[in-house]
């Protein structure tokens, strides 16, 4: 009877240990892999335009995309916050780096 409880405890311990390890690894992987959010077609187009012309302005993007400058600025803010792009240099003399 005691052997049965020891075996049962051992099985439970293994299961719990594996589950805890999987959760720890899953959380770490999820944080690194899951950081970036999916992009819609407009955000993809902005990235494409920035790759082709790193000096592009929001005014030029507004004309190319056919949306307001406010919409362009909101999309750029999203892309910067989620690590897709960064601004290098000053606002007027700098350029866009696609990450």
Protein backbone atom coordinates (compact mmCIF):
# COMPACT_ATOMS: atom_id res chain seq x y z
CA UNK A 1 0.00 0.00 0.00
CA UNK A 2 2.83 2.41 0.85
CA UNK A 3 4.55 1.59 -2.43
CA UNK A 4 1.35 2.49 -4.27
CA UNK A 5 1.24 5.93 -2.62
CA UNK A 6 4.91 6.50 -3.35
CA UNK A 7 4.37 5.65 -7.01
CA UNK A 8 1.30 7.85 -7.14
CA UNK A 9 3.22 10.72 -5.51
CA UNK A 10 6.10 10.23 -7.95
CA UNK A 11 3.78 10.35 -10.97
CA UNK A 12 2.03 13.44 -9.62
CA UNK A 13 5.39 15.12 -8.91
CA UNK A 14 6.64 14.41 -12.46
CA UNK A 15 3.44 15.74 -13.99
CA UNK A 16 3.50 18.89 -11.86
CA UNK A 17 7.19 19.53 -12.57
CA UNK A 18 6.75 19.12 -16.33
CA UNK A 19 3.69 21.34 -16.31
CA UNK A 20 5.51 24.06 -14.36
CA UNK A 21 8.46 23.91 -16.76
CA UNK A 22 6.20 24.08 -19.80
CA UNK A 23 4.37 27.09 -18.36
CA UNK A 24 7.63 28.91 -17.57
CA UNK A 25 9.07 28.26 -21.03
CA UNK A 26 5.77 29.06 -22.71
CA UNK A 27 5.54 32.40 -20.94
CA UNK A 28 9.07 33.39 -21.92
CA UNK A 29 8.61 32.33 -25.54
CA UNK A 30 5.23 34.04 -25.69
CA UNK A 31 6.71 37.31 -24.52
CA UNK A 32 9.47 37.26 -27.11
CA UNK A 33 7.56 35.82 -30.05
CA UNK A 34 4.22 37.41 -29.32
CA UNK A 35 5.51 40.97 -29.04
CA UNK A 36 4.70 42.03 -32.56
CA UNK A 37 1.11 42.46 -33.60
CA UNK A 38 -0.24 41.62 -37.03
CA UNK A 39 -0.19 44.33 -39.66
CA UNK A 40 -3.06 45.33 -41.88
CA UNK A 41 -2.51 46.25 -45.52
CA UNK A 42 -2.14 49.98 -44.78
CA UNK A 43 0.64 49.40 -42.24
CA UNK A 44 2.36 46.99 -44.62
CA UNK A 45 2.18 49.64 -47.36
CA UNK A 46 3.73 52.24 -45.04
CA UNK A 47 6.61 49.89 -44.26
CA UNK A 48 7.10 49.15 -47.95
CA UNK A 49 7.19 52.87 -48.79
CA UNK A 50 9.66 53.50 -45.94
CA UNK A 51 11.93 50.75 -47.23
CA UNK A 52 11.86 52.25 -50.73
CA UNK A 53 12.32 55.82 -49.48
CA UNK A 54 13.62 56.18 -45.89
CA UNK A 55 13.23 59.97 -46.13
CA UNK A 56 9.49 59.81 -46.88
CA UNK A 57 7.25 62.25 -45.01
CA UNK A 58 3.80 61.79 -43.54
CA UNK A 59 2.48 64.23 -46.15
CA UNK A 60 3.83 62.03 -48.94
CA UNK A 61 2.41 58.90 -47.30
CA UNK A 62 -0.96 60.64 -46.95
CA UNK A 63 -1.04 61.23 -50.73
CA UNK A 64 0.18 57.72 -51.61
CA UNK A 65 -2.27 55.96 -49.28
CA UNK A 66 -5.20 58.29 -49.86
CA UNK A 67 -5.91 58.75 -46.14
CA UNK A 68 -5.60 61.69 -43.77
CA UNK A 69 -2.27 62.68 -42.27
CA UNK A 70 -3.75 61.90 -38.85
CA UNK A 71 -4.42 58.32 -39.96
CA UNK A 72 -0.85 58.05 -41.25
CA UNK A 73 0.52 59.40 -37.96
CA UNK A 74 -1.55 56.91 -35.94
CA UNK A 75 -0.28 54.05 -38.08
CA UNK A 76 3.31 55.24 -37.72
CA UNK A 77 2.86 55.49 -33.94
CA UNK A 78 1.60 51.89 -33.90
CA UNK A 79 4.57 50.73 -35.99
CA UNK A 80 7.05 52.53 -33.72
CA UNK A 81 5.46 51.26 -30.49
CA UNK A 82 5.47 47.67 -31.74
CA UNK A 83 9.07 47.72 -32.95
CA UNK A 84 8.57 47.69 -36.72
CA UNK A 85 10.20 51.04 -37.45
CA UNK A 86 12.24 53.72 -35.76
CA UNK A 87 13.10 57.30 -36.55
CA UNK A 88 16.81 57.99 -36.83
CA UNK A 89 17.93 61.59 -36.50
CA UNK A 90 15.89 64.75 -36.30
CA UNK A 91 12.30 65.11 -37.41
CA UNK A 92 13.17 67.09 -40.55
CA UNK A 93 16.62 65.76 -41.42
CA UNK A 94 16.32 62.19 -40.17
CA UNK A 95 15.13 59.02 -41.87
CA UNK A 96 13.03 55.93 -41.18
CA UNK A 97 14.70 52.63 -40.35
CA UNK A 98 12.58 49.52 -40.88
CA UNK A 99 13.48 46.91 -38.28
